[in-house]
Amino acid sequence: MYTPAFFKQDRAASLKFAEARGFGTMCAFDGSKPIASPLPFYLTYAADGTPQAAFHVARHNPLLKLAGSDASWLLAVNGPDAYVSPDWYVSPDQVPTWLYQSVHLSGPVRLLTDDELSVQIDTLSDKFESWLLPKKPWTSGKMAAGRLETMKKAIVGLVMNVEEVEGSFKLNQHKSDADYAAIANALSAGDADARQISDLMRQARPQVFANDTNMLEGSAS
């Protein structure tokens, strides 16, 4: 992934982002064309500290034919993104751009055993059910044993040994404070993704918005 120095994230921040998102597009090359599938995953770590991305796919997914070799796969994990109009800048002669968060994890992928798949199913569901609290979490134990085994036969567990971690958070870090604030303020009136980007910009450079906060506090007194 092309990542200018302004936007480059370190390994720890990139892994934290990927784990928090838990959903991405897994890509591999079959020798003639790329193959990709969007899927949920979770991160774990090998005994030597190597990150591992655990996931599963349908048994008929063409990705399966490519697992087990030394070839590297790519897991692209994206966050919110937003278009930026040149009209929003304070400075003249700007161009359109797009702000976003993206992390790429890459490495070889191996098949999981049936026992490893069972653990993966429970770990994956636990991760995402926790997002729904205080709802009582769903567990595989709620399924009839026969039904669960039938469903498991339709999928295959996989794990990527993550050898490379690349992170790019393009949030206009290279712009002046005036332009930075103008873009964040404009995005705050946009759709959900635009508002998330605006919030991220405010968190990254809070001092730029201190005057806005002081003005609001002053008007309320």
C-alpha atoms as a PDB file:
ATOM      1  CA  MET A   1       0.000   0.000   0.000  1.00  0.00           C
ATOM      2  CA  TYR A   2       1.386   3.395  -0.946  1.00  0.00           C
ATOM      3  CA  THR A   3       1.594   5.379   2.275  1.00  0.00           C
ATOM      4  CA  PRO A   4       3.154   8.867   2.473  1.00  0.00           C
ATOM      5  CA  ALA A   5       5.039   9.476   5.724  1.00  0.00           C
ATOM      6  CA  PHE A   6       2.358  11.908   6.960  1.00  0.00           C
ATOM      7  CA  PHE A   7      -0.260   9.157   7.044  1.00  0.00           C
ATOM      8  CA  LYS A   8       1.789   6.094   8.006  1.00  0.00           C
ATOM      9  CA  GLN A   9       0.728   4.273  11.181  1.00  0.00           C
ATOM     10  CA  ASP A  10       2.999   2.162  13.353  1.00  0.00           C
ATOM     11  CA  ARG A  11       2.557  -1.589  13.727  1.00  0.00           C
ATOM     12  CA  ALA A  12       0.806  -1.455  17.099  1.00  0.00           C
ATOM     13  CA  ALA A  13      -1.727   1.178  16.004  1.00  0.00           C
ATOM     14  CA  SER A  14      -2.419  -0.685  12.774  1.00  0.00           C
ATOM     15  CA  LEU A  15      -3.033  -4.014  14.532  1.00  0.00           C
ATOM     16  CA  LYS A  16      -5.256  -2.306  17.116  1.00  0.00           C
ATOM     17  CA  PHE A  17      -7.334  -0.776  14.324  1.00  0.00           C
ATOM     18  CA  ALA A  18      -7.648  -4.095  12.463  1.00  0.00           C
ATOM     19  CA  GLU A  19      -8.720  -5.948  15.598  1.00  0.00           C
ATOM     20  CA  ALA A  20     -11.290  -3.285  16.470  1.00  0.00           C
ATOM     21  CA  ARG A  21     -12.791  -3.396  12.975  1.00  0.00           C
ATOM     22  CA  GLY A  22     -12.873  -7.197  12.703  1.00  0.00           C
ATOM     23  CA  PHE A  23     -14.051  -7.146   9.083  1.00  0.00           C
ATOM     24  CA  GLY A  24     -12.107  -6.868   5.841  1.00  0.00           C
ATOM     25  CA  THR A  25     -11.543  -8.187   2.332  1.00  0.00           C
ATOM     26  CA  MET A  26      -9.273 -11.214   1.968  1.00  0.00           C
ATOM     27  CA  CYS A  27      -7.424 -11.272  -1.339  1.00  0.00           C
ATOM     28  CA  ALA A  28      -5.228 -13.890  -3.047  1.00  0.00           C
ATOM     29  CA  PHE A  29      -3.849 -14.523  -6.528  1.00  0.00           C
ATOM     30  CA  ASP A  30      -4.635 -17.791  -8.303  1.00  0.00           C
ATOM     31  CA  GLY A  31      -1.941 -17.407 -10.958  1.00  0.00           C
ATOM     32  CA  SER A  32      -4.095 -15.628 -13.495  1.00  0.00           C
ATOM     33  CA  LYS A  33      -6.435 -13.346 -11.572  1.00  0.00           C
ATOM     34  CA  PRO A  34      -7.076 -12.003  -8.055  1.00  0.00           C
ATOM     35  CA  ILE A  35      -9.736 -13.607  -5.858  1.00  0.00           C
ATOM     36  CA  ALA A  36     -11.314 -11.764  -2.940  1.00  0.00           C
ATOM     37  CA  SER A  37     -13.950 -12.314  -0.276  1.00  0.00           C
ATOM     38  CA  PRO A  38     -15.282  -9.920   2.388  1.00  0.00           C
ATOM     39  CA  LEU A  39     -15.295 -11.628   5.797  1.00  0.00           C
ATOM     40  CA  PRO A  40     -15.129 -11.198   9.573  1.00  0.00           C
ATOM     41  CA  PHE A  41     -11.987 -12.154  11.474  1.00  0.00           C
ATOM     42  CA  TYR A  42     -10.244 -11.800  14.800  1.00  0.00           C
ATOM     43  CA  LEU A  43      -6.601 -11.442  15.719  1.00  0.00           C
ATOM     44  CA  THR A  44      -4.672 -13.792  17.938  1.00  0.00           C
ATOM     45  CA  TYR A  45      -0.953 -14.277  18.522  1.00  0.00           C
ATOM     46  CA  ALA A  46       1.382 -17.257  18.130  1.00  0.00           C
ATOM     47  CA  ALA A  47       3.777 -18.279  20.904  1.00  0.00           C
ATOM     48  CA  ASP A  48       6.537 -16.202  19.280  1.00  0.00           C
ATOM     49  CA  GLY A  49       4.305 -13.114  19.141  1.00  0.00           C
ATOM     50  CA  THR A  50       3.424 -13.348  15.445  1.00  0.00           C
ATOM     51  CA  PRO A  51      -0.042 -11.855  14.801  1.00  0.00           C
ATOM     52  CA  GLN A  52      -2.561 -14.251  13.272  1.00  0.00           C
ATOM     53  CA  ALA A  53      -5.843 -13.412  11.566  1.00  0.00           C
ATOM     54  CA  ALA A  54      -8.378 -16.220  12.075  1.00  0.00           C
ATOM     55  CA  PHE A  55     -11.380 -16.538   9.749  1.00  0.00           C
ATOM     56  CA  HIS A  56     -13.436 -19.044   7.795  1.00  0.00           C
ATOM     57  CA  VAL A  57     -14.993 -19.282   4.353  1.00  0.00           C
ATOM     58  CA  ALA A  58     -17.647 -21.360   2.643  1.00  0.00           C
ATOM     59  CA  ARG A  59     -16.350 -24.758   1.564  1.00  0.00           C
ATOM     60  CA  HIS A  60     -16.879 -23.903  -2.115  1.00  0.00           C
ATOM     61  CA  ASN A  61     -15.046 -20.563  -1.907  1.00  0.00           C
ATOM     62  CA  PRO A  62     -12.256 -20.554  -4.547  1.00  0.00           C
ATOM     63  CA  LEU A  63      -9.865 -19.073  -1.979  1.00  0.00           C
ATOM     64  CA  LEU A  64      -9.642 -22.503  -0.364  1.00  0.00           C
ATOM     65  CA  LYS A  65      -7.708 -23.948  -3.296  1.00  0.00           C
ATOM     66  CA  LEU A  66      -4.948 -21.434  -2.612  1.00  0.00           C
ATOM     67  CA  ALA A  67      -4.488 -22.102   1.111  1.00  0.00           C
ATOM     68  CA  GLY A  68      -1.548 -24.053   2.465  1.00  0.00           C
ATOM     69  CA  SER A  69       1.183 -22.682   0.218  1.00  0.00           C
ATOM     70  CA  ASP A  70       3.900 -20.136   0.956  1.00  0.00           C
ATOM     71  CA  ALA A  71       2.147 -17.524  -1.161  1.00  0.00           C
ATOM     72  CA  SER A  72       1.144 -14.379   0.673  1.00  0.00           C
ATOM     73  CA  TRP A  73      -2.491 -13.298   0.943  1.00  0.00           C
ATOM     74  CA  LEU A  74      -3.697  -9.779   1.688  1.00  0.00           C
ATOM     75  CA  LEU A  75      -6.368  -8.772   4.208  1.00  0.00           C
ATOM     76  CA  ALA A  76      -7.530  -5.194   3.550  1.00  0.00           C
ATOM     77  CA  VAL A  77      -9.285  -3.628   6.539  1.00  0.00           C
ATOM     78  CA  ASN A  78     -10.965  -0.283   5.929  1.00  0.00           C
ATOM     79  CA  GLY A  79     -12.549   2.247   8.245  1.00  0.00           C
ATOM     80  CA  PRO A  80     -14.670   5.302   7.462  1.00  0.00           C
ATOM     81  CA  ASP A  81     -13.913   7.379   4.375  1.00  0.00           C
ATOM     82  CA  ALA A  82     -15.067  10.760   3.077  1.00  0.00           C
ATOM     83  CA  TYR A  83     -14.720  12.993   0.029  1.00  0.00           C
ATOM     84  CA  VAL A  84     -13.231  16.453   0.551  1.00  0.00           C
ATOM     85  CA  SER A  85     -14.195  19.354  -1.716  1.00  0.00           C
ATOM     86  CA  PRO A  86     -11.538  21.983  -2.542  1.00  0.00           C
ATOM     87  CA  ASP A  87     -14.171  24.636  -1.768  1.00  0.00           C
ATOM     88  CA  TRP A  88     -13.947  23.802   1.942  1.00  0.00           C
ATOM     89  CA  TYR A  89     -10.301  24.865   2.374  1.00  0.00           C
ATOM     90  CA  VAL A  90      -9.230  28.270   3.615  1.00  0.00           C
ATOM     91  CA  SER A  91      -6.178  28.175   1.335  1.00  0.00           C
ATOM     92  CA  PRO A  92      -6.708  28.686  -2.414  1.00  0.00           C
ATOM     93  CA  ASP A  93      -5.775  26.328  -5.247  1.00  0.00           C
ATOM     94  CA  GLN A  94      -6.594  23.064  -3.496  1.00  0.00           C
ATOM     95  CA  VAL A  95      -7.707  19.873  -5.233  1.00  0.00           C
ATOM     96  CA  PRO A  96     -10.345  17.231  -4.423  1.00  0.00           C
ATOM     97  CA  THR A  97      -9.196  14.415  -2.202  1.00  0.00           C
ATOM     98  CA  TRP A  98     -10.467  11.524  -0.100  1.00  0.00           C
ATOM     99  CA  LEU A  99      -9.780  10.901   3.593  1.00  0.00           C
ATOM    100  CA  TYR A 100      -9.795   7.384   5.011  1.00  0.00           C
ATOM    101  CA  GLN A 101      -8.376   4.771   7.354  1.00  0.00           C
ATOM    102  CA  SER A 102      -6.951   1.542   5.950  1.00  0.00           C
ATOM    103  CA  VAL A 103      -4.745  -1.297   7.211  1.00  0.00           C
ATOM    104  CA  HIS A 104      -3.295  -4.136   5.125  1.00  0.00           C
ATOM    105  CA  LEU A 105      -2.209  -7.401   6.722  1.00  0.00           C
ATOM    106  CA  SER A 106      -0.388  -9.954   4.604  1.00  0.00           C
ATOM    107  CA  GLY A 107       1.126 -13.401   4.966  1.00  0.00           C
ATOM    108  CA  PRO A 108       0.618 -17.105   4.165  1.00  0.00           C
ATOM    109  CA  VAL A 109      -2.608 -18.881   5.093  1.00  0.00           C
ATOM    110  CA  ARG A 110      -3.099 -22.418   6.403  1.00  0.00           C
ATOM    111  CA  LEU A 111      -6.150 -24.604   7.008  1.00  0.00           C
ATOM    112  CA  LEU A 112      -7.468 -25.182  10.518  1.00  0.00           C
ATOM    113  CA  THR A 113      -8.369 -28.553  11.994  1.00  0.00           C
ATOM    114  CA  ASP A 114     -11.970 -29.298  12.980  1.00  0.00           C
ATOM    115  CA  ASP A 115     -11.113 -28.697  16.638  1.00  0.00           C
ATOM    116  CA  GLU A 116      -9.480 -25.371  15.786  1.00  0.00           C
ATOM    117  CA  LEU A 117     -12.538 -24.409  13.742  1.00  0.00           C
ATOM    118  CA  SER A 118     -14.826 -25.045  16.723  1.00  0.00           C
ATOM    119  CA  VAL A 119     -12.731 -22.716  18.866  1.00  0.00           C
ATOM    120  CA  GLN A 120     -12.687 -20.134  16.094  1.00  0.00           C
ATOM    121  CA  ILE A 121     -16.484 -20.137  15.690  1.00  0.00           C
ATOM    122  CA  ASP A 122     -16.973 -19.508  19.397  1.00  0.00           C
ATOM    123  CA  THR A 123     -14.222 -16.879  19.604  1.00  0.00           C
ATOM    124  CA  LEU A 124     -15.549 -15.022  16.578  1.00  0.00           C
ATOM    125  CA  SER A 125     -19.133 -14.991  17.803  1.00  0.00           C
ATOM    126  CA  ASP A 126     -18.011 -13.937  21.298  1.00  0.00           C
ATOM    127  CA  LYS A 127     -16.153 -10.975  19.802  1.00  0.00           C
ATOM    128  CA  PHE A 128     -19.104  -9.592  17.890  1.00  0.00           C
ATOM    129  CA  GLU A 129     -21.817 -10.548  20.378  1.00  0.00           C
ATOM    130  CA  SER A 130     -19.952  -8.394  22.915  1.00  0.00           C
ATOM    131  CA  TRP A 131     -20.762  -5.400  20.705  1.00  0.00           C
ATOM    132  CA  LEU A 132     -24.466  -5.990  21.411  1.00  0.00           C
ATOM    133  CA  LEU A 133     -24.349  -5.925  25.200  1.00  0.00           C
ATOM    134  CA  PRO A 134     -26.457  -5.841  27.330  1.00  0.00           C
ATOM    135  CA  LYS A 135     -28.107  -8.390  25.029  1.00  0.00           C
ATOM    136  CA  LYS A 136     -27.421 -11.877  26.335  1.00  0.00           C
ATOM    137  CA  PRO A 137     -24.722 -13.223  23.987  1.00  0.00           C
ATOM    138  CA  TRP A 138     -25.520 -15.918  21.465  1.00  0.00           C
ATOM    139  CA  THR A 139     -23.332 -19.024  21.744  1.00  0.00           C
ATOM    140  CA  SER A 140     -23.023 -22.117  19.600  1.00  0.00           C
ATOM    141  CA  GLY A 141     -24.336 -24.047  22.608  1.00  0.00           C
ATOM    142  CA  LYS A 142     -27.797 -22.719  21.762  1.00  0.00           C
ATOM    143  CA  MET A 143     -27.844 -24.827  18.595  1.00  0.00           C
ATOM    144  CA  ALA A 144     -28.832 -28.467  18.385  1.00  0.00           C
ATOM    145  CA  ALA A 145     -25.656 -30.548  18.135  1.00  0.00           C
ATOM    146  CA  GLY A 146     -26.661 -32.098  14.823  1.00  0.00           C
ATOM    147  CA  ARG A 147     -27.500 -28.743  13.289  1.00  0.00           C
ATOM    148  CA  LEU A 148     -24.210 -27.212  14.447  1.00  0.00           C
ATOM    149  CA  GLU A 149     -22.197 -30.082  12.948  1.00  0.00           C
ATOM    150  CA  THR A 150     -24.069 -29.739   9.653  1.00  0.00           C
ATOM    151  CA  MET A 151     -23.327 -26.023   9.526  1.00  0.00           C
ATOM    152  CA  LYS A 152     -19.644 -26.602  10.352  1.00  0.00           C
ATOM    153  CA  LYS A 153     -19.322 -28.970   7.404  1.00  0.00           C
ATOM    154  CA  ALA A 154     -20.277 -26.102   5.097  1.00  0.00           C
ATOM    155  CA  ILE A 155     -17.300 -23.956   6.128  1.00  0.00           C
ATOM    156  CA  VAL A 156     -13.534 -24.288   6.440  1.00  0.00           C
ATOM    157  CA  GLY A 157     -11.413 -22.520   9.033  1.00  0.00           C
ATOM    158  CA  LEU A 158      -8.263 -20.651   8.022  1.00  0.00           C
ATOM    159  CA  VAL A 159      -5.587 -18.585   9.705  1.00  0.00           C
ATOM    160  CA  MET A 160      -3.119 -16.078   8.272  1.00  0.00           C
ATOM    161  CA  ASN A 161       0.324 -15.697   9.817  1.00  0.00           C
ATOM    162  CA  VAL A 162       0.683 -11.944   9.519  1.00  0.00           C
ATOM    163  CA  GLU A 163       4.166 -11.167   8.218  1.00  0.00           C
ATOM    164  CA  GLU A 164       3.595  -7.587   7.090  1.00  0.00           C
ATOM    165  CA  VAL A 165       1.474  -4.835   8.636  1.00  0.00           C
ATOM    166  CA  GLU A 166       0.802  -1.573   6.775  1.00  0.00           C
ATOM    167  CA  GLY A 167      -1.393   1.221   8.051  1.00  0.00           C
ATOM    168  CA  SER A 168      -2.467   4.462   6.391  1.00  0.00           C
ATOM    169  CA  PHE A 169      -4.753   6.962   8.134  1.00  0.00           C
ATOM    170  CA  LYS A 170      -5.168   9.876   5.732  1.00  0.00           C
ATOM    171  CA  LEU A 171      -6.688  12.649   7.846  1.00  0.00           C
ATOM    172  CA  ASN A 172      -5.122  15.775   6.291  1.00  0.00           C
ATOM    173  CA  GLN A 173      -2.270  15.689   8.820  1.00  0.00           C
ATOM    174  CA  HIS A 174      -0.065  17.668   6.408  1.00  0.00           C
ATOM    175  CA  LYS A 175      -2.429  20.632   6.186  1.00  0.00           C
ATOM    176  CA  SER A 176      -2.259  23.916   8.111  1.00  0.00           C
ATOM    177  CA  ASP A 177      -4.328  24.320  11.257  1.00  0.00           C
ATOM    178  CA  ALA A 178      -6.754  26.624   9.433  1.00  0.00           C
ATOM    179  CA  ASP A 179      -7.315  24.190   6.564  1.00  0.00           C
ATOM    180  CA  TYR A 180      -7.431  21.231   8.931  1.00  0.00           C
ATOM    181  CA  ALA A 181     -10.159  22.846  11.053  1.00  0.00           C
ATOM    182  CA  ALA A 182     -12.128  23.945   7.996  1.00  0.00           C
ATOM    183  CA  ILE A 183     -12.232  20.426   6.587  1.00  0.00           C
ATOM    184  CA  ALA A 184     -13.148  18.819   9.913  1.00  0.00           C
ATOM    185  CA  ASN A 185     -15.957  21.330  10.396  1.00  0.00           C
ATOM    186  CA  ALA A 186     -17.296  20.778   6.872  1.00  0.00           C
ATOM    187  CA  LEU A 187     -17.238  16.994   7.302  1.00  0.00           C
ATOM    188  CA  SER A 188     -19.138  17.240  10.593  1.00  0.00           C
ATOM    189  CA  ALA A 189     -22.225  18.152   8.550  1.00  0.00           C
ATOM    190  CA  GLY A 190     -21.894  15.151   6.221  1.00  0.00           C
ATOM    191  CA  ASP A 191     -22.989  11.522   6.327  1.00  0.00           C
ATOM    192  CA  ALA A 192     -22.032   9.005   9.026  1.00  0.00           C
ATOM    193  CA  ASP A 193     -18.602   8.256   7.537  1.00  0.00           C
ATOM    194  CA  ALA A 194     -17.825  11.953   7.090  1.00  0.00           C
ATOM    195  CA  ARG A 195     -18.772  12.646  10.706  1.00  0.00           C
ATOM    196  CA  GLN A 196     -16.519   9.810  11.875  1.00  0.00           C
ATOM    197  CA  ILE A 197     -13.610  11.252   9.903  1.00  0.00           C
ATOM    198  CA  SER A 198     -14.337  14.653  11.439  1.00  0.00           C
ATOM    199  CA  ASP A 199     -14.283  13.145  14.930  1.00  0.00           C
ATOM    200  CA  LEU A 200     -10.983  11.388  14.211  1.00  0.00           C
ATOM    201  CA  MET A 201      -9.458  14.645  13.018  1.00  0.00           C
ATOM    202  CA  ARG A 202     -10.581  16.413  16.178  1.00  0.00           C
ATOM    203  CA  GLN A 203      -9.121  13.668  18.344  1.00  0.00           C
ATOM    204  CA  ALA A 204      -5.811  13.784  16.474  1.00  0.00           C
ATOM    205  CA  ARG A 205      -5.328  17.579  16.726  1.00  0.00           C
ATOM    206  CA  PRO A 206      -7.589  18.809  19.561  1.00  0.00           C
ATOM    207  CA  GLN A 207      -5.687  22.070  20.052  1.00  0.00           C
ATOM    208  CA  VAL A 208      -6.919  23.279  16.670  1.00  0.00           C
ATOM    209  CA  PHE A 209     -10.494  23.236  17.950  1.00  0.00           C
ATOM    210  CA  ALA A 210      -9.867  24.706  21.397  1.00  0.00           C
ATOM    211  CA  ASN A 211     -11.202  28.103  20.299  1.00  0.00           C
ATOM    212  CA  ASP A 212     -14.424  26.501  19.063  1.00  0.00           C
ATOM    213  CA  THR A 213     -14.942  24.924  22.490  1.00  0.00           C
ATOM    214  CA  ASN A 214     -14.167  28.171  24.291  1.00  0.00           C
ATOM    215  CA  MET A 215     -16.605  30.071  22.091  1.00  0.00           C
ATOM    216  CA  LEU A 216     -19.365  27.566  22.814  1.00  0.00           C
ATOM    217  CA  GLU A 217     -18.694  27.739  26.532  1.00  0.00           C
ATOM    218  CA  GLY A 218     -18.693  31.533  26.395  1.00  0.00           C
ATOM    219  CA  SER A 219     -22.015  31.705  24.563  1.00  0.00           C
ATOM    220  CA  ALA A 220     -23.604  29.422  27.140  1.00  0.00           C
ATOM    221  CA  SER A 221     -22.548  31.548  30.111  1.00  0.00           C
END
